[in-house]
């Protein structure tokens, strides 16, 4: 049940040029402004919206000099994250920082901070990136992870959408995501038309509720190609708007070789990752039809990504990373207080 059915919400529009076919959806943010309330020398930065992670990652050069100097006295940067399948690494520091979100209209000079949603969260402040784990370069990107795949204490501390206030009024820990923007905070108006499914806890509940990790619902994936069918494969679902290509994590040896191309070619000692071939079709259903869609690689549809990756996973269990293209036909809702997620069909 939604915790606040008649609560306030805040519409956060995506920046111009945000779309599924390029680099994704972005919002403007001011991260680490000086504590006197002014913009100081912090720079507004476009952050890519990513439902597959939790927390903000931003280059240290975008913070105010006040926070930049404090963070860099913590010592040498540490490895913060390694991305699959690129193996790109971000090195930096974690820090509690104030954050203000502006949607498509970031202020250029003077503004009243109370007019915009704001919070203080744990931010990943990046010093540099290692491309493919090898080549060092400055990190000038920015990402806003709004997912829930961590223990509750971490999610509450790092997800910027779960502790926002506007005009000193708190917004509920939930949001509706569409190709136009994010409606932060849930009520009976913005959840109308959604079909919901509960988020299962991972393992047994401990005595400490903050230690519980909630997972995405189950999905079934059926693969068809030239008259043959593989599946259905039962998967844990990861709703991930931060990547353009979906990924199936499973034992690659169980997927017929006629369906995919190893990339790069495997050695005799390795189980390969790969890419499904053009013409392969996928039928995906989430929790008995709460969300159901089909696409064929190489054929235009609202759901068709540029490619579909096969990621080898040793052992039992499979997972499906949806990619941003699920938003081609469905709006997405996360009600973290109610421990459920929902989909509303548009296609």
C-alpha atoms as a PDB file:
ATOM      1  CA  UNK A   1       0.000   0.000   0.000  1.00  0.00           C
ATOM      2  CA  UNK A   2       1.263   3.464  -0.830  1.00  0.00           C
ATOM      3  CA  UNK A   3       2.280   5.258   2.319  1.00  0.00           C
ATOM      4  CA  UNK A   4       0.992   8.678   1.226  1.00  0.00           C
ATOM      5  CA  UNK A   5      -1.872   8.439  -1.245  1.00  0.00           C
ATOM      6  CA  UNK A   6      -2.721  12.130  -0.968  1.00  0.00           C
ATOM      7  CA  UNK A   7       0.767  13.485  -0.457  1.00  0.00           C
ATOM      8  CA  UNK A   8       2.697  16.072  -2.398  1.00  0.00           C
ATOM      9  CA  UNK A   9       4.712  15.351  -5.502  1.00  0.00           C
ATOM     10  CA  UNK A  10       7.278  17.315  -7.466  1.00  0.00           C
ATOM     11  CA  UNK A  11       7.566  17.075 -11.285  1.00  0.00           C
ATOM     12  CA  UNK A  12      11.228  16.945 -12.319  1.00  0.00           C
ATOM     13  CA  UNK A  13      11.521  17.304 -16.090  1.00  0.00           C
ATOM     14  CA  UNK A  14      14.387  15.765 -18.032  1.00  0.00           C
ATOM     15  CA  UNK A  15      16.894  18.036 -19.735  1.00  0.00           C
ATOM     16  CA  UNK A  16      16.378  18.821 -23.441  1.00  0.00           C
ATOM     17  CA  UNK A  17      17.855  16.111 -25.630  1.00  0.00           C
ATOM     18  CA  UNK A  18      17.202  13.303 -23.145  1.00  0.00           C
ATOM     19  CA  UNK A  19      16.000  10.198 -24.995  1.00  0.00           C
ATOM     20  CA  UNK A  20      16.213   6.419 -25.126  1.00  0.00           C
ATOM     21  CA  UNK A  21      18.206   6.232 -28.344  1.00  0.00           C
ATOM     22  CA  UNK A  22      21.212   8.326 -27.339  1.00  0.00           C
ATOM     23  CA  UNK A  23      22.718   8.627 -23.877  1.00  0.00           C
ATOM     24  CA  UNK A  24      19.590   8.322 -21.745  1.00  0.00           C
ATOM     25  CA  UNK A  25      17.621  10.604 -19.446  1.00  0.00           C
ATOM     26  CA  UNK A  26      19.224  13.469 -17.510  1.00  0.00           C
ATOM     27  CA  UNK A  27      18.279  15.977 -14.799  1.00  0.00           C
ATOM     28  CA  UNK A  28      20.167  19.077 -13.684  1.00  0.00           C
ATOM     29  CA  UNK A  29      21.585  19.106 -10.166  1.00  0.00           C
ATOM     30  CA  UNK A  30      23.768  21.183  -7.899  1.00  0.00           C
ATOM     31  CA  UNK A  31      25.901  18.844  -5.769  1.00  0.00           C
ATOM     32  CA  UNK A  32      27.931  20.099  -2.842  1.00  0.00           C
ATOM     33  CA  UNK A  33      27.025  23.804  -2.815  1.00  0.00           C
ATOM     34  CA  UNK A  34      28.689  25.806  -0.060  1.00  0.00           C
ATOM     35  CA  UNK A  35      26.895  25.589   3.317  1.00  0.00           C
ATOM     36  CA  UNK A  36      25.904  29.253   3.416  1.00  0.00           C
ATOM     37  CA  UNK A  37      23.031  28.478   1.023  1.00  0.00           C
ATOM     38  CA  UNK A  38      24.439  30.304  -1.977  1.00  0.00           C
ATOM     39  CA  UNK A  39      25.453  28.616  -5.215  1.00  0.00           C
ATOM     40  CA  UNK A  40      29.079  29.586  -4.501  1.00  0.00           C
ATOM     41  CA  UNK A  41      31.359  28.033  -7.130  1.00  0.00           C
ATOM     42  CA  UNK A  42      29.576  24.679  -7.380  1.00  0.00           C
ATOM     43  CA  UNK A  43      28.617  24.002 -10.981  1.00  0.00           C
ATOM     44  CA  UNK A  44      25.195  22.684 -12.093  1.00  0.00           C
ATOM     45  CA  UNK A  45      25.718  19.289 -13.677  1.00  0.00           C
ATOM     46  CA  UNK A  46      23.512  17.049 -15.833  1.00  0.00           C
ATOM     47  CA  UNK A  47      23.178  13.681 -14.072  1.00  0.00           C
ATOM     48  CA  UNK A  48      22.080  10.571 -15.948  1.00  0.00           C
ATOM     49  CA  UNK A  49      19.104   8.908 -14.272  1.00  0.00           C
ATOM     50  CA  UNK A  50      19.898   5.268 -13.466  1.00  0.00           C
ATOM     51  CA  UNK A  51      17.363   2.931 -11.841  1.00  0.00           C
ATOM     52  CA  UNK A  52      19.941   0.121 -11.754  1.00  0.00           C
ATOM     53  CA  UNK A  53      22.141   1.693  -9.078  1.00  0.00           C
ATOM     54  CA  UNK A  54      21.732   3.678  -5.886  1.00  0.00           C
ATOM     55  CA  UNK A  55      23.432   7.000  -5.217  1.00  0.00           C
ATOM     56  CA  UNK A  56      24.968   9.951  -7.035  1.00  0.00           C
ATOM     57  CA  UNK A  57      28.351   9.766  -8.742  1.00  0.00           C
ATOM     58  CA  UNK A  58      29.921  13.053  -9.860  1.00  0.00           C
ATOM     59  CA  UNK A  59      33.315  14.477 -10.723  1.00  0.00           C
ATOM     60  CA  UNK A  60      34.936  16.369  -7.861  1.00  0.00           C
ATOM     61  CA  UNK A  61      35.412  19.465 -10.050  1.00  0.00           C
ATOM     62  CA  UNK A  62      31.650  20.164  -9.964  1.00  0.00           C
ATOM     63  CA  UNK A  63      31.507  20.608  -6.181  1.00  0.00           C
ATOM     64  CA  UNK A  64      32.037  23.919  -4.441  1.00  0.00           C
ATOM     65  CA  UNK A  65      35.642  24.540  -3.465  1.00  0.00           C
ATOM     66  CA  UNK A  66      34.490  24.298   0.166  1.00  0.00           C
ATOM     67  CA  UNK A  67      33.534  20.625  -0.139  1.00  0.00           C
ATOM     68  CA  UNK A  68      36.160  19.773  -2.727  1.00  0.00           C
ATOM     69  CA  UNK A  69      38.921  20.809  -0.341  1.00  0.00           C
ATOM     70  CA  UNK A  70      37.378  18.906   2.570  1.00  0.00           C
ATOM     71  CA  UNK A  71      37.004  15.685   0.581  1.00  0.00           C
ATOM     72  CA  UNK A  72      40.454  15.680  -0.944  1.00  0.00           C
ATOM     73  CA  UNK A  73      42.050  15.798   2.502  1.00  0.00           C
ATOM     74  CA  UNK A  74      40.711  12.265   3.101  1.00  0.00           C
ATOM     75  CA  UNK A  75      43.708  10.717   1.364  1.00  0.00           C
ATOM     76  CA  UNK A  76      44.243   8.835  -1.868  1.00  0.00           C
ATOM     77  CA  UNK A  77      41.163   7.875  -3.914  1.00  0.00           C
ATOM     78  CA  UNK A  78      39.871   4.310  -3.518  1.00  0.00           C
ATOM     79  CA  UNK A  79      38.167   2.052  -6.054  1.00  0.00           C
ATOM     80  CA  UNK A  80      34.465   2.872  -5.911  1.00  0.00           C
ATOM     81  CA  UNK A  81      32.864   0.827  -8.696  1.00  0.00           C
ATOM     82  CA  UNK A  82      33.650  -1.350 -11.713  1.00  0.00           C
ATOM     83  CA  UNK A  83      31.071  -1.369 -14.520  1.00  0.00           C
ATOM     84  CA  UNK A  84      30.026  -4.477 -16.439  1.00  0.00           C
ATOM     85  CA  UNK A  85      30.725  -5.297 -19.181  1.00  0.00           C
ATOM     86  CA  UNK A  86      33.076  -2.389 -19.999  1.00  0.00           C
ATOM     87  CA  UNK A  87      35.266  -2.916 -16.899  1.00  0.00           C
ATOM     88  CA  UNK A  88      35.523   0.871 -16.565  1.00  0.00           C
ATOM     89  CA  UNK A  89      36.467   1.825 -13.019  1.00  0.00           C
ATOM     90  CA  UNK A  90      35.733   4.958 -10.998  1.00  0.00           C
ATOM     91  CA  UNK A  91      38.123   5.968  -8.226  1.00  0.00           C
ATOM     92  CA  UNK A  92      37.285   8.571  -5.590  1.00  0.00           C
ATOM     93  CA  UNK A  93      35.666   9.105  -2.180  1.00  0.00           C
ATOM     94  CA  UNK A  94      32.265   8.808  -0.479  1.00  0.00           C
ATOM     95  CA  UNK A  95      30.997  11.955   1.269  1.00  0.00           C
ATOM     96  CA  UNK A  96      27.761  13.297   2.754  1.00  0.00           C
ATOM     97  CA  UNK A  97      26.829  16.277   0.571  1.00  0.00           C
ATOM     98  CA  UNK A  98      23.868  18.607   0.041  1.00  0.00           C
ATOM     99  CA  UNK A  99      22.084  18.104  -3.293  1.00  0.00           C
ATOM    100  CA  UNK A 100      19.549  20.283  -5.118  1.00  0.00           C
ATOM    101  CA  UNK A 101      17.651  19.115  -8.198  1.00  0.00           C
ATOM    102  CA  UNK A 102      16.434  21.474 -10.905  1.00  0.00           C
ATOM    103  CA  UNK A 103      15.092  19.369 -13.734  1.00  0.00           C
ATOM    104  CA  UNK A 104      15.385  21.062 -17.098  1.00  0.00           C
ATOM    105  CA  UNK A 105      15.881  24.590 -15.682  1.00  0.00           C
ATOM    106  CA  UNK A 106      19.067  24.830 -13.664  1.00  0.00           C
ATOM    107  CA  UNK A 107      19.539  28.289 -12.152  1.00  0.00           C
ATOM    108  CA  UNK A 108      22.269  30.342 -13.758  1.00  0.00           C
ATOM    109  CA  UNK A 109      22.908  32.761 -10.911  1.00  0.00           C
ATOM    110  CA  UNK A 110      20.659  33.773  -7.986  1.00  0.00           C
ATOM    111  CA  UNK A 111      17.852  31.498  -6.845  1.00  0.00           C
ATOM    112  CA  UNK A 112      15.890  30.538  -3.734  1.00  0.00           C
ATOM    113  CA  UNK A 113      16.980  27.058  -2.656  1.00  0.00           C
ATOM    114  CA  UNK A 114      13.630  26.480  -0.938  1.00  0.00           C
ATOM    115  CA  UNK A 115      11.888  26.449  -4.329  1.00  0.00           C
ATOM    116  CA  UNK A 116      13.689  23.275  -5.402  1.00  0.00           C
ATOM    117  CA  UNK A 117      13.799  19.744  -3.989  1.00  0.00           C
ATOM    118  CA  UNK A 118      16.864  19.272  -1.842  1.00  0.00           C
ATOM    119  CA  UNK A 119      18.433  16.753   0.501  1.00  0.00           C
ATOM    120  CA  UNK A 120      21.746  15.594   1.958  1.00  0.00           C
ATOM    121  CA  UNK A 121      22.919  12.140   0.852  1.00  0.00           C
ATOM    122  CA  UNK A 122      26.053  10.037   0.586  1.00  0.00           C
ATOM    123  CA  UNK A 123      27.655  10.921  -2.775  1.00  0.00           C
ATOM    124  CA  UNK A 124      30.335   9.109  -4.756  1.00  0.00           C
ATOM    125  CA  UNK A 125      32.814  11.888  -5.560  1.00  0.00           C
ATOM    126  CA  UNK A 126      35.054  10.742  -8.393  1.00  0.00           C
ATOM    127  CA  UNK A 127      38.672  11.733  -8.844  1.00  0.00           C
ATOM    128  CA  UNK A 128      39.389   9.814 -12.052  1.00  0.00           C
ATOM    129  CA  UNK A 129      38.307   6.894 -14.240  1.00  0.00           C
ATOM    130  CA  UNK A 130      40.239   3.904 -15.550  1.00  0.00           C
ATOM    131  CA  UNK A 131      38.931   2.986 -19.002  1.00  0.00           C
ATOM    132  CA  UNK A 132      38.709  -0.796 -19.297  1.00  0.00           C
ATOM    133  CA  UNK A 133      40.521  -0.850 -15.961  1.00  0.00           C
ATOM    134  CA  UNK A 134      43.738   0.430 -17.569  1.00  0.00           C
ATOM    135  CA  UNK A 135      43.792   3.939 -19.084  1.00  0.00           C
ATOM    136  CA  UNK A 136      43.486   6.763 -16.571  1.00  0.00           C
ATOM    137  CA  UNK A 137      41.513   9.912 -17.424  1.00  0.00           C
ATOM    138  CA  UNK A 138      39.611  12.622 -15.518  1.00  0.00           C
ATOM    139  CA  UNK A 139      36.025  11.759 -14.615  1.00  0.00           C
ATOM    140  CA  UNK A 140      33.734  14.472 -15.965  1.00  0.00           C
ATOM    141  CA  UNK A 141      30.472  12.539 -15.882  1.00  0.00           C
ATOM    142  CA  UNK A 142      27.592  12.418 -13.490  1.00  0.00           C
ATOM    143  CA  UNK A 143      24.970   9.818 -12.585  1.00  0.00           C
ATOM    144  CA  UNK A 144      21.957   9.769 -10.276  1.00  0.00           C
ATOM    145  CA  UNK A 145      21.204   6.226  -9.132  1.00  0.00           C
ATOM    146  CA  UNK A 146      17.598   5.971  -7.939  1.00  0.00           C
ATOM    147  CA  UNK A 147      17.382   2.183  -7.493  1.00  0.00           C
ATOM    148  CA  UNK A 148      16.887   0.071  -4.381  1.00  0.00           C
ATOM    149  CA  UNK A 149      19.227  -2.936  -4.696  1.00  0.00           C
ATOM    150  CA  UNK A 150      21.098  -2.536  -1.404  1.00  0.00           C
ATOM    151  CA  UNK A 151      20.289  -2.827   2.285  1.00  0.00           C
ATOM    152  CA  UNK A 152      17.672  -0.370   3.466  1.00  0.00           C
ATOM    153  CA  UNK A 153      20.120   1.758   5.463  1.00  0.00           C
ATOM    154  CA  UNK A 154      22.272   2.267   2.349  1.00  0.00           C
ATOM    155  CA  UNK A 155      19.265   2.996   0.133  1.00  0.00           C
ATOM    156  CA  UNK A 156      17.904   5.594   2.535  1.00  0.00           C
ATOM    157  CA  UNK A 157      21.316   7.223   2.883  1.00  0.00           C
ATOM    158  CA  UNK A 158      22.238   7.290  -0.814  1.00  0.00           C
ATOM    159  CA  UNK A 159      19.092   7.449  -2.978  1.00  0.00           C
ATOM    160  CA  UNK A 160      18.510  11.206  -3.414  1.00  0.00           C
ATOM    161  CA  UNK A 161      14.801  10.812  -4.239  1.00  0.00           C
ATOM    162  CA  UNK A 162      13.957   9.173  -0.902  1.00  0.00           C
ATOM    163  CA  UNK A 163      14.699  12.087   1.435  1.00  0.00           C
ATOM    164  CA  UNK A 164      13.814  15.206  -0.584  1.00  0.00           C
ATOM    165  CA  UNK A 165      12.024  18.204   0.834  1.00  0.00           C
ATOM    166  CA  UNK A 166      10.425  21.145  -1.012  1.00  0.00           C
ATOM    167  CA  UNK A 167       9.554  24.254   0.974  1.00  0.00           C
ATOM    168  CA  UNK A 168      10.437  22.233   4.084  1.00  0.00           C
ATOM    169  CA  UNK A 169       7.796  19.620   3.198  1.00  0.00           C
ATOM    170  CA  UNK A 170       9.056  16.022   2.819  1.00  0.00           C
ATOM    171  CA  UNK A 171       8.171  13.963  -0.232  1.00  0.00           C
ATOM    172  CA  UNK A 172       7.389  10.257   0.136  1.00  0.00           C
ATOM    173  CA  UNK A 173      10.000   7.655  -0.812  1.00  0.00           C
ATOM    174  CA  UNK A 174       8.699   6.809  -4.248  1.00  0.00           C
ATOM    175  CA  UNK A 175       8.505   8.102  -7.800  1.00  0.00           C
ATOM    176  CA  UNK A 176       6.932   7.687 -11.225  1.00  0.00           C
ATOM    177  CA  UNK A 177       9.355   7.583 -14.143  1.00  0.00           C
ATOM    178  CA  UNK A 178       8.252   8.391 -17.711  1.00  0.00           C
ATOM    179  CA  UNK A 179      10.176   9.441 -20.843  1.00  0.00           C
ATOM    180  CA  UNK A 180       9.318  13.048 -19.953  1.00  0.00           C
ATOM    181  CA  UNK A 181      10.617  13.141 -16.400  1.00  0.00           C
ATOM    182  CA  UNK A 182      10.212  12.002 -12.810  1.00  0.00           C
ATOM    183  CA  UNK A 183       7.242  12.697 -10.552  1.00  0.00           C
ATOM    184  CA  UNK A 184       8.832  12.504  -7.093  1.00  0.00           C
ATOM    185  CA  UNK A 185       6.505  11.515  -4.250  1.00  0.00           C
ATOM    186  CA  UNK A 186       3.442   9.301  -4.723  1.00  0.00           C
ATOM    187  CA  UNK A 187      -0.264  10.008  -4.446  1.00  0.00           C
ATOM    188  CA  UNK A 188      -3.535   8.630  -5.815  1.00  0.00           C
ATOM    189  CA  UNK A 189      -3.235  10.860  -8.892  1.00  0.00           C
ATOM    190  CA  UNK A 190       0.171   9.878 -10.200  1.00  0.00           C
ATOM    191  CA  UNK A 191      -0.147   6.131  -9.499  1.00  0.00           C
ATOM    192  CA  UNK A 192      -3.462   5.800 -11.355  1.00  0.00           C
ATOM    193  CA  UNK A 193      -3.374   3.014 -13.956  1.00  0.00           C
ATOM    194  CA  UNK A 194      -0.336   1.172 -12.566  1.00  0.00           C
ATOM    195  CA  UNK A 195      -0.221  -2.585 -12.008  1.00  0.00           C
ATOM    196  CA  UNK A 196       1.944  -3.349  -8.977  1.00  0.00           C
ATOM    197  CA  UNK A 197       3.992  -6.298  -7.776  1.00  0.00           C
ATOM    198  CA  UNK A 198       5.683  -6.662  -4.406  1.00  0.00           C
ATOM    199  CA  UNK A 199       9.449  -6.509  -3.901  1.00  0.00           C
ATOM    200  CA  UNK A 200      10.612  -9.793  -2.331  1.00  0.00           C
ATOM    201  CA  UNK A 201      13.142  -9.609   0.503  1.00  0.00           C
ATOM    202  CA  UNK A 202      16.435 -11.349  -0.171  1.00  0.00           C
ATOM    203  CA  UNK A 203      16.781 -14.256   2.225  1.00  0.00           C
ATOM    204  CA  UNK A 204      15.056 -14.244   5.590  1.00  0.00           C
ATOM    205  CA  UNK A 205      14.200 -11.060   7.452  1.00  0.00           C
ATOM    206  CA  UNK A 206      16.680 -10.261  10.200  1.00  0.00           C
ATOM    207  CA  UNK A 207      15.861  -8.577  13.478  1.00  0.00           C
ATOM    208  CA  UNK A 208      17.252  -5.344  12.050  1.00  0.00           C
ATOM    209  CA  UNK A 209      14.919  -4.128   9.270  1.00  0.00           C
ATOM    210  CA  UNK A 210      17.606  -1.803   7.933  1.00  0.00           C
ATOM    211  CA  UNK A 211      19.694  -4.830   6.928  1.00  0.00           C
ATOM    212  CA  UNK A 212      17.074  -6.250   4.566  1.00  0.00           C
ATOM    213  CA  UNK A 213      17.745  -6.107   0.828  1.00  0.00           C
ATOM    214  CA  UNK A 214      14.727  -6.086  -1.472  1.00  0.00           C
ATOM    215  CA  UNK A 215      14.974  -7.571  -4.948  1.00  0.00           C
ATOM    216  CA  UNK A 216      13.117  -6.981  -8.176  1.00  0.00           C
ATOM    217  CA  UNK A 217      10.265  -9.338  -9.118  1.00  0.00           C
ATOM    218  CA  UNK A 218      10.649 -12.462 -11.210  1.00  0.00           C
ATOM    219  CA  UNK A 219      10.389 -12.306 -14.974  1.00  0.00           C
ATOM    220  CA  UNK A 220      10.234 -15.017 -17.622  1.00  0.00           C
ATOM    221  CA  UNK A 221      12.217 -14.730 -20.855  1.00  0.00           C
ATOM    222  CA  UNK A 222      11.479 -16.835 -23.953  1.00  0.00           C
ATOM    223  CA  UNK A 223      13.847 -16.699 -26.934  1.00  0.00           C
ATOM    224  CA  UNK A 224      12.774 -17.573 -30.493  1.00  0.00           C
ATOM    225  CA  UNK A 225      14.834 -17.867 -33.665  1.00  0.00           C
ATOM    226  CA  UNK A 226      14.142 -19.542 -37.007  1.00  0.00           C
ATOM    227  CA  UNK A 227      11.427 -21.814 -35.679  1.00  0.00           C
ATOM    228  CA  UNK A 228      13.197 -22.876 -32.472  1.00  0.00           C
ATOM    229  CA  UNK A 229      12.339 -21.774 -28.945  1.00  0.00           C
ATOM    230  CA  UNK A 230      14.511 -21.544 -25.847  1.00  0.00           C
ATOM    231  CA  UNK A 231      12.958 -21.094 -22.429  1.00  0.00           C
ATOM    232  CA  UNK A 232      11.046 -19.799 -20.654  1.00  0.00           C
ATOM    233  CA  UNK A 233      13.970 -18.776 -18.444  1.00  0.00           C
ATOM    234  CA  UNK A 234      13.038 -17.507 -14.991  1.00  0.00           C
ATOM    235  CA  UNK A 235      15.040 -14.404 -14.063  1.00  0.00           C
ATOM    236  CA  UNK A 236      15.386 -11.854 -11.327  1.00  0.00           C
ATOM    237  CA  UNK A 237      14.434  -8.509 -12.887  1.00  0.00           C
ATOM    238  CA  UNK A 238      16.675  -5.453 -12.703  1.00  0.00           C
ATOM    239  CA  UNK A 239      14.943  -2.338 -14.028  1.00  0.00           C
ATOM    240  CA  UNK A 240      17.944  -0.412 -15.357  1.00  0.00           C
ATOM    241  CA  UNK A 241      17.536   2.843 -17.268  1.00  0.00           C
ATOM    242  CA  UNK A 242      21.265   3.523 -17.089  1.00  0.00           C
ATOM    243  CA  UNK A 243      22.219   1.262 -20.014  1.00  0.00           C
ATOM    244  CA  UNK A 244      21.061   1.185 -23.667  1.00  0.00           C
ATOM    245  CA  UNK A 245      21.350  -2.596 -24.105  1.00  0.00           C
ATOM    246  CA  UNK A 246      19.607  -5.254 -22.017  1.00  0.00           C
ATOM    247  CA  UNK A 247      21.695  -8.054 -20.527  1.00  0.00           C
ATOM    248  CA  UNK A 248      20.804 -11.647 -19.725  1.00  0.00           C
ATOM    249  CA  UNK A 249      23.014 -13.090 -16.972  1.00  0.00           C
ATOM    250  CA  UNK A 250      22.917 -16.891 -17.235  1.00  0.00           C
ATOM    251  CA  UNK A 251      25.139 -19.835 -18.103  1.00  0.00           C
ATOM    252  CA  UNK A 252      26.029 -19.098 -21.722  1.00  0.00           C
ATOM    253  CA  UNK A 253      26.592 -22.800 -22.401  1.00  0.00           C
ATOM    254  CA  UNK A 254      22.835 -23.333 -21.925  1.00  0.00           C
ATOM    255  CA  UNK A 255      21.936 -20.885 -24.724  1.00  0.00           C
ATOM    256  CA  UNK A 256      22.089 -22.457 -28.218  1.00  0.00           C
ATOM    257  CA  UNK A 257      25.176 -21.308 -30.131  1.00  0.00           C
ATOM    258  CA  UNK A 258      22.968 -20.399 -33.121  1.00  0.00           C
ATOM    259  CA  UNK A 259      21.464 -17.487 -31.138  1.00  0.00           C
ATOM    260  CA  UNK A 260      24.533 -15.437 -30.287  1.00  0.00           C
ATOM    261  CA  UNK A 261      28.002 -14.332 -31.294  1.00  0.00           C
ATOM    262  CA  UNK A 262      30.851 -14.502 -28.743  1.00  0.00           C
ATOM    263  CA  UNK A 263      32.394 -11.111 -28.109  1.00  0.00           C
ATOM    264  CA  UNK A 264      35.332 -11.293 -28.006  1.00  0.00           C
ATOM    265  CA  UNK A 265      35.935 -14.835 -29.279  1.00  0.00           C
ATOM    266  CA  UNK A 266      36.446 -17.125 -26.258  1.00  0.00           C
ATOM    267  CA  UNK A 267      39.578 -18.984 -25.375  1.00  0.00           C
ATOM    268  CA  UNK A 268      39.400 -22.717 -24.583  1.00  0.00           C
ATOM    269  CA  UNK A 269      39.681 -21.841 -20.867  1.00  0.00           C
ATOM    270  CA  UNK A 270      36.842 -19.306 -20.690  1.00  0.00           C
ATOM    271  CA  UNK A 271      33.088 -19.276 -20.917  1.00  0.00           C
ATOM    272  CA  UNK A 272      32.287 -16.350 -23.188  1.00  0.00           C
ATOM    273  CA  UNK A 273      30.076 -13.343 -23.005  1.00  0.00           C
ATOM    274  CA  UNK A 274      28.382 -12.427 -26.247  1.00  0.00           C
ATOM    275  CA  UNK A 275      25.698 -10.606 -28.222  1.00  0.00           C
ATOM    276  CA  UNK A 276      22.451 -12.088 -29.527  1.00  0.00           C
ATOM    277  CA  UNK A 277      22.126 -12.108 -33.313  1.00  0.00           C
ATOM    278  CA  UNK A 278      19.789  -9.890 -35.380  1.00  0.00           C
ATOM    279  CA  UNK A 279      16.505 -11.680 -35.967  1.00  0.00           C
ATOM    280  CA  UNK A 280      16.360 -13.270 -32.510  1.00  0.00           C
ATOM    281  CA  UNK A 281      13.018 -12.553 -30.787  1.00  0.00           C
ATOM    282  CA  UNK A 282      12.353 -12.128 -27.073  1.00  0.00           C
ATOM    283  CA  UNK A 283       9.117 -12.464 -25.116  1.00  0.00           C
ATOM    284  CA  UNK A 284       9.373 -11.027 -21.601  1.00  0.00           C
ATOM    285  CA  UNK A 285       6.699 -11.158 -18.899  1.00  0.00           C
ATOM    286  CA  UNK A 286       7.034  -9.678 -15.411  1.00  0.00           C
ATOM    287  CA  UNK A 287       5.082 -11.364 -12.597  1.00  0.00           C
ATOM    288  CA  UNK A 288       2.348 -12.957 -14.705  1.00  0.00           C
ATOM    289  CA  UNK A 289       1.710 -10.028 -16.983  1.00  0.00           C
ATOM    290  CA  UNK A 290       2.110  -6.943 -14.775  1.00  0.00           C
ATOM    291  CA  UNK A 291       4.446  -5.966 -17.610  1.00  0.00           C
ATOM    292  CA  UNK A 292       4.752  -7.963 -20.857  1.00  0.00           C
ATOM    293  CA  UNK A 293       6.528  -7.055 -24.066  1.00  0.00           C
ATOM    294  CA  UNK A 294       8.102  -8.546 -27.168  1.00  0.00           C
ATOM    295  CA  UNK A 295      10.737  -7.410 -29.643  1.00  0.00           C
ATOM    296  CA  UNK A 296      12.937  -8.803 -32.403  1.00  0.00           C
ATOM    297  CA  UNK A 297      16.495  -7.558 -32.731  1.00  0.00           C
ATOM    298  CA  UNK A 298      16.888  -5.505 -35.885  1.00  0.00           C
ATOM    299  CA  UNK A 299      13.150  -4.741 -36.208  1.00  0.00           C
ATOM    300  CA  UNK A 300      11.728  -1.401 -35.089  1.00  0.00           C
ATOM    301  CA  UNK A 301       9.377  -1.353 -32.116  1.00  0.00           C
ATOM    302  CA  UNK A 302       9.018   0.807 -28.986  1.00  0.00           C
ATOM    303  CA  UNK A 303      10.967  -1.844 -27.044  1.00  0.00           C
ATOM    304  CA  UNK A 304      13.754  -2.778 -29.482  1.00  0.00           C
ATOM    305  CA  UNK A 305      17.261  -1.996 -28.166  1.00  0.00           C
ATOM    306  CA  UNK A 306      20.327  -1.620 -30.410  1.00  0.00           C
ATOM    307  CA  UNK A 307      21.659  -4.965 -29.108  1.00  0.00           C
ATOM    308  CA  UNK A 308      21.044  -7.602 -26.436  1.00  0.00           C
ATOM    309  CA  UNK A 309      24.000  -8.929 -24.460  1.00  0.00           C
ATOM    310  CA  UNK A 310      24.565 -12.402 -23.035  1.00  0.00           C
ATOM    311  CA  UNK A 311      26.642 -12.324 -19.854  1.00  0.00           C
ATOM    312  CA  UNK A 312      27.940 -15.670 -18.668  1.00  0.00           C
ATOM    313  CA  UNK A 313      27.076 -16.549 -15.071  1.00  0.00           C
ATOM    314  CA  UNK A 314      28.423 -19.719 -13.509  1.00  0.00           C
ATOM    315  CA  UNK A 315      25.991 -21.658 -11.355  1.00  0.00           C
ATOM    316  CA  UNK A 316      22.246 -21.602 -10.865  1.00  0.00           C
ATOM    317  CA  UNK A 317      19.990 -18.611 -11.317  1.00  0.00           C
ATOM    318  CA  UNK A 318      19.484 -16.038 -14.053  1.00  0.00           C
ATOM    319  CA  UNK A 319      18.958 -12.280 -14.058  1.00  0.00           C
ATOM    320  CA  UNK A 320      17.575  -9.889 -16.670  1.00  0.00           C
ATOM    321  CA  UNK A 321      18.729  -6.288 -16.942  1.00  0.00           C
ATOM    322  CA  UNK A 322      15.920  -4.530 -18.811  1.00  0.00           C
ATOM    323  CA  UNK A 323      17.849  -1.538 -20.239  1.00  0.00           C
ATOM    324  CA  UNK A 324      16.225   1.845 -20.815  1.00  0.00           C
ATOM    325  CA  UNK A 325      14.076   0.543 -23.693  1.00  0.00           C
ATOM    326  CA  UNK A 326      11.393  -0.899 -21.432  1.00  0.00           C
ATOM    327  CA  UNK A 327      10.361   2.749 -20.974  1.00  0.00           C
ATOM    328  CA  UNK A 328       9.499   2.772 -24.687  1.00  0.00           C
ATOM    329  CA  UNK A 329       6.160   1.235 -23.803  1.00  0.00           C
ATOM    330  CA  UNK A 330       5.733   1.415 -20.032  1.00  0.00           C
ATOM    331  CA  UNK A 331       5.857   4.031 -17.310  1.00  0.00           C
ATOM    332  CA  UNK A 332       7.628   2.777 -14.190  1.00  0.00           C
ATOM    333  CA  UNK A 333       6.815   3.366 -10.526  1.00  0.00           C
ATOM    334  CA  UNK A 334       8.859   2.539  -7.446  1.00  0.00           C
ATOM    335  CA  UNK A 335       7.015   2.730  -4.124  1.00  0.00           C
ATOM    336  CA  UNK A 336       9.867   2.022  -1.727  1.00  0.00           C
ATOM    337  CA  UNK A 337       7.821   2.700   1.387  1.00  0.00           C
ATOM    338  CA  UNK A 338       5.247   0.189   0.156  1.00  0.00           C
ATOM    339  CA  UNK A 339       7.961  -2.265  -1.036  1.00  0.00           C
ATOM    340  CA  UNK A 340       6.476  -2.621  -4.509  1.00  0.00           C
ATOM    341  CA  UNK A 341       7.098  -1.585  -8.087  1.00  0.00           C
ATOM    342  CA  UNK A 342       4.597  -1.005 -10.870  1.00  0.00           C
ATOM    343  CA  UNK A 343       4.224  -0.626 -14.617  1.00  0.00           C
ATOM    344  CA  UNK A 344       1.673   1.320 -16.682  1.00  0.00           C
ATOM    345  CA  UNK A 345       1.387   0.438 -20.351  1.00  0.00           C
ATOM    346  CA  UNK A 346       1.598   3.147 -23.023  1.00  0.00           C
ATOM    347  CA  UNK A 347       2.410   1.103 -26.154  1.00  0.00           C
END
